[in-house]
């Protein structure tokens, strides 16, 4: 399992490794999305001091479906590796 980027990351440092793995794979399972304070606890205590914060859930409604951080760019980078003939 590779981590191309974190939930709210703005750093694409993990993209190269994720894209290379996608190139070598028959199937890619790309997990994206946000994090809820009530489900994962991000935004509380130590995680808040490390920059973790909720991106969805009660009190954190979203007005768009675009994932947070640099996730949309990771999706595009992985998608470019898809062979439409397969």
N, C-alpha and C. Protein backbone atom coordinates (compact mmCIF):
# COMPACT_ATOMS: atom_id res chain seq x y z
N UNK A 1 0.85 -1.17 0.00
CA UNK A 1 0.00 0.00 0.00
C UNK A 1 0.89 1.24 0.00
N UNK A 2 0.58 2.17 -0.88
CA UNK A 2 1.33 3.42 -0.99
C UNK A 2 0.47 4.60 -0.57
N UNK A 3 1.13 5.63 -0.11
CA UNK A 3 0.42 6.85 0.24
C UNK A 3 0.90 7.94 -0.72
N UNK A 4 0.06 8.24 -1.72
CA UNK A 4 0.41 9.28 -2.69
C UNK A 4 0.39 10.66 -2.07
N UNK A 5 -0.56 10.87 -1.15
CA UNK A 5 -0.66 12.12 -0.41
C UNK A 5 -1.59 11.92 0.78
N UNK A 6 -1.52 12.84 1.72
CA UNK A 6 -2.43 12.80 2.85
C UNK A 6 -3.73 13.50 2.52
N UNK A 7 -4.65 13.47 3.45
CA UNK A 7 -5.99 14.01 3.23
C UNK A 7 -5.97 15.49 2.87
N UNK A 8 -5.20 16.27 3.58
CA UNK A 8 -5.17 17.72 3.32
C UNK A 8 -3.80 18.19 2.84
N UNK A 9 -2.93 17.26 2.45
CA UNK A 9 -1.58 17.62 2.01
C UNK A 9 -1.61 18.52 0.78
N UNK A 10 -0.59 19.34 0.68
CA UNK A 10 -0.38 20.16 -0.51
C UNK A 10 0.95 19.80 -1.17
N UNK A 11 1.57 18.71 -0.71
CA UNK A 11 2.87 18.26 -1.18
C UNK A 11 2.69 17.03 -2.06
N UNK A 12 3.22 17.08 -3.27
CA UNK A 12 3.09 15.98 -4.23
C UNK A 12 4.28 15.02 -4.19
N UNK A 13 5.04 15.04 -3.14
CA UNK A 13 6.25 14.21 -3.06
C UNK A 13 5.97 12.72 -3.24
N UNK A 14 4.81 12.24 -2.83
CA UNK A 14 4.49 10.82 -2.94
C UNK A 14 3.88 10.41 -4.28
N UNK A 15 3.66 11.37 -5.16
CA UNK A 15 3.02 11.08 -6.45
C UNK A 15 3.84 10.13 -7.31
N UNK A 16 5.15 10.37 -7.40
CA UNK A 16 6.00 9.58 -8.30
C UNK A 16 5.90 8.09 -7.98
N UNK A 17 6.01 7.76 -6.71
CA UNK A 17 5.93 6.36 -6.29
C UNK A 17 4.55 5.78 -6.57
N UNK A 18 3.50 6.56 -6.32
CA UNK A 18 2.14 6.09 -6.57
C UNK A 18 1.88 5.90 -8.07
N UNK A 19 2.36 6.81 -8.89
CA UNK A 19 2.18 6.72 -10.33
C UNK A 19 2.96 5.52 -10.88
N UNK A 20 4.18 5.32 -10.43
CA UNK A 20 4.97 4.17 -10.87
C UNK A 20 4.29 2.86 -10.51
N UNK A 21 3.72 2.79 -9.32
CA UNK A 21 2.99 1.57 -8.91
C UNK A 21 1.77 1.37 -9.79
N UNK A 22 1.08 2.44 -10.14
CA UNK A 22 -0.11 2.34 -10.99
C UNK A 22 0.27 1.83 -12.38
N UNK A 23 1.41 2.29 -12.90
CA UNK A 23 1.88 1.85 -14.21
C UNK A 23 2.09 0.34 -14.26
N UNK A 24 2.55 -0.21 -13.15
CA UNK A 24 2.88 -1.63 -13.08
C UNK A 24 1.70 -2.51 -12.70
N UNK A 25 0.57 -1.91 -12.41
CA UNK A 25 -0.58 -2.65 -11.87
C UNK A 25 -1.65 -2.91 -12.92
N UNK A 26 -2.36 -4.03 -12.75
CA UNK A 26 -3.53 -4.32 -13.57
C UNK A 26 -4.75 -3.57 -13.05
N UNK A 27 -4.78 -3.35 -11.74
CA UNK A 27 -5.91 -2.69 -11.09
C UNK A 27 -5.35 -1.71 -10.05
N UNK A 28 -5.96 -0.53 -9.99
CA UNK A 28 -5.59 0.46 -8.99
C UNK A 28 -6.82 0.75 -8.13
N UNK A 29 -6.65 0.65 -6.83
CA UNK A 29 -7.71 1.06 -5.90
C UNK A 29 -7.21 2.33 -5.23
N UNK A 30 -7.84 3.44 -5.60
CA UNK A 30 -7.43 4.75 -5.11
C UNK A 30 -8.44 5.21 -4.08
N UNK A 31 -7.97 5.38 -2.86
CA UNK A 31 -8.85 5.78 -1.76
C UNK A 31 -8.65 7.28 -1.52
N UNK A 32 -9.73 8.03 -1.63
CA UNK A 32 -9.67 9.48 -1.45
C UNK A 32 -10.80 9.91 -0.53
N UNK A 33 -10.80 11.17 -0.14
CA UNK A 33 -11.91 11.70 0.64
C UNK A 33 -11.45 12.63 1.73
N UNK A 34 -12.32 12.78 2.70
CA UNK A 34 -12.06 13.67 3.82
C UNK A 34 -11.99 12.91 5.13
N UNK A 35 -12.00 13.65 6.20
CA UNK A 35 -11.96 13.05 7.52
C UNK A 35 -12.93 13.79 8.44
N UNK A 36 -13.65 13.02 9.21
CA UNK A 36 -14.65 13.58 10.11
C UNK A 36 -14.11 13.61 11.54
N UNK A 37 -14.33 14.71 12.23
CA UNK A 37 -13.89 14.82 13.61
C UNK A 37 -14.55 13.76 14.48
N UNK A 38 -15.82 13.46 14.20
CA UNK A 38 -16.54 12.52 15.05
C UNK A 38 -16.13 11.07 14.79
N UNK A 39 -15.61 10.78 13.59
CA UNK A 39 -15.23 9.40 13.28
C UNK A 39 -13.76 9.11 13.51
N UNK A 40 -12.90 10.06 13.18
CA UNK A 40 -11.47 9.78 13.28
C UNK A 40 -10.78 10.58 14.37
N UNK A 41 -11.44 11.57 14.90
CA UNK A 41 -10.84 12.37 15.95
C UNK A 41 -9.85 13.40 15.47
N UNK A 42 -9.65 13.49 14.16
CA UNK A 42 -8.70 14.50 13.69
C UNK A 42 -9.21 15.88 14.03
N UNK A 43 -8.30 16.74 14.42
CA UNK A 43 -8.66 18.09 14.81
C UNK A 43 -8.68 18.25 16.32
N UNK A 44 -8.51 17.16 17.02
CA UNK A 44 -8.52 17.18 18.48
C UNK A 44 -7.09 16.99 18.98
N UNK A 45 -6.75 17.65 20.02
CA UNK A 45 -5.48 17.42 20.72
C UNK A 45 -4.27 17.47 19.82
N UNK A 46 -3.45 16.41 19.88
CA UNK A 46 -2.18 16.38 19.17
C UNK A 46 -2.33 16.55 17.67
N UNK A 47 -3.35 15.96 17.09
CA UNK A 47 -3.51 16.05 15.65
C UNK A 47 -3.76 17.48 15.19
N UNK A 48 -4.44 18.26 15.99
CA UNK A 48 -4.68 19.66 15.63
C UNK A 48 -3.36 20.43 15.60
N UNK A 49 -2.47 20.14 16.53
CA UNK A 49 -1.19 20.84 16.56
C UNK A 49 -0.29 20.42 15.40
N UNK A 50 -0.58 19.24 14.79
CA UNK A 50 0.19 18.77 13.63
C UNK A 50 -0.47 19.18 12.33
N UNK A 51 -1.53 19.97 12.38
CA UNK A 51 -2.19 20.45 11.18
C UNK A 51 -3.38 19.61 10.75
N UNK A 52 -3.71 18.56 11.50
CA UNK A 52 -4.87 17.74 11.16
C UNK A 52 -6.15 18.46 11.56
N UNK A 53 -7.12 18.44 10.68
CA UNK A 53 -8.40 19.05 10.99
C UNK A 53 -9.48 18.35 10.19
N UNK A 54 -10.72 18.39 10.66
CA UNK A 54 -11.79 17.72 9.93
C UNK A 54 -12.09 18.44 8.62
N UNK A 55 -12.50 17.66 7.62
CA UNK A 55 -12.84 18.25 6.33
C UNK A 55 -14.29 18.01 5.97
N UNK A 56 -15.00 17.26 6.80
CA UNK A 56 -16.41 16.98 6.54
C UNK A 56 -17.05 16.52 7.85
N UNK A 57 -18.35 16.35 7.82
CA UNK A 57 -19.07 15.89 9.00
C UNK A 57 -19.89 17.02 9.60
N UNK A 58 -20.51 16.73 10.72
CA UNK A 58 -21.38 17.71 11.36
C UNK A 58 -20.62 18.99 11.67
N UNK A 59 -21.15 20.09 11.20
CA UNK A 59 -20.51 21.38 11.43
C UNK A 59 -19.42 21.71 10.42
N UNK A 60 -19.14 20.79 9.51
CA UNK A 60 -18.10 20.99 8.50
C UNK A 60 -18.65 20.63 7.13
N UNK A 61 -19.80 21.16 6.81
CA UNK A 61 -20.43 20.87 5.53
C UNK A 61 -19.57 21.38 4.39
N UNK A 62 -19.60 20.65 3.28
CA UNK A 62 -18.84 21.02 2.10
C UNK A 62 -19.81 21.52 1.02
N UNK A 63 -19.40 22.50 0.27
CA UNK A 63 -20.23 23.04 -0.80
C UNK A 63 -19.87 22.44 -2.16
N UNK A 64 -18.87 21.59 -2.19
CA UNK A 64 -18.46 20.93 -3.43
C UNK A 64 -17.96 19.53 -3.12
N UNK A 65 -17.90 18.70 -4.14
CA UNK A 65 -17.47 17.32 -3.96
C UNK A 65 -15.98 17.11 -4.22
N UNK A 66 -15.28 18.15 -4.60
CA UNK A 66 -13.85 18.04 -4.85
C UNK A 66 -13.14 17.67 -3.55
N UNK A 67 -12.31 16.62 -3.56
CA UNK A 67 -11.60 16.23 -2.35
C UNK A 67 -10.63 17.33 -1.90
N UNK A 68 -10.33 17.39 -0.61
CA UNK A 68 -9.45 18.43 -0.10
C UNK A 68 -7.98 18.20 -0.48
N UNK A 69 -7.20 19.24 -0.27
CA UNK A 69 -5.76 19.15 -0.50
C UNK A 69 -5.41 18.92 -1.95
N UNK A 70 -4.36 18.15 -2.16
CA UNK A 70 -3.84 17.90 -3.50
C UNK A 70 -4.39 16.60 -4.09
N UNK A 71 -5.40 16.03 -3.44
CA UNK A 71 -5.98 14.77 -3.92
C UNK A 71 -6.46 14.82 -5.37
N UNK A 72 -7.11 15.91 -5.83
CA UNK A 72 -7.54 15.93 -7.23
C UNK A 72 -6.37 15.77 -8.22
N UNK A 73 -5.22 16.34 -7.89
CA UNK A 73 -4.05 16.20 -8.76
C UNK A 73 -3.54 14.77 -8.75
N UNK A 74 -3.61 14.09 -7.62
CA UNK A 74 -3.21 12.68 -7.55
C UNK A 74 -4.15 11.83 -8.41
N UNK A 75 -5.43 12.09 -8.34
CA UNK A 75 -6.41 11.35 -9.15
C UNK A 75 -6.06 11.50 -10.63
N UNK A 76 -5.77 12.73 -11.07
CA UNK A 76 -5.43 12.97 -12.48
C UNK A 76 -4.14 12.26 -12.86
N UNK A 77 -3.14 12.29 -11.99
CA UNK A 77 -1.86 11.64 -12.28
C UNK A 77 -2.03 10.13 -12.43
N UNK A 78 -2.83 9.53 -11.57
CA UNK A 78 -3.07 8.09 -11.65
C UNK A 78 -3.92 7.77 -12.89
N UNK A 79 -4.93 8.58 -13.15
CA UNK A 79 -5.82 8.36 -14.29
C UNK A 79 -5.05 8.36 -15.61
N UNK A 80 -4.03 9.19 -15.72
CA UNK A 80 -3.23 9.26 -16.95
C UNK A 80 -2.54 7.93 -17.26
N UNK A 81 -2.44 7.06 -16.25
CA UNK A 81 -1.77 5.77 -16.45
C UNK A 81 -2.72 4.69 -16.97
N UNK A 82 -4.00 5.01 -17.08
CA UNK A 82 -5.00 4.04 -17.52
C UNK A 82 -4.85 3.80 -19.01
N UNK A 83 -4.83 2.54 -19.38
CA UNK A 83 -4.80 2.17 -20.80
C UNK A 83 -6.23 1.96 -21.27
N UNK A 84 -6.75 2.86 -22.10
CA UNK A 84 -8.16 2.75 -22.51
C UNK A 84 -8.45 1.50 -23.34
N UNK A 85 -7.43 0.85 -23.88
CA UNK A 85 -7.66 -0.34 -24.69
C UNK A 85 -7.80 -1.61 -23.85
N UNK A 86 -7.56 -1.49 -22.54
CA UNK A 86 -7.64 -2.70 -21.71
C UNK A 86 -9.00 -2.88 -21.08
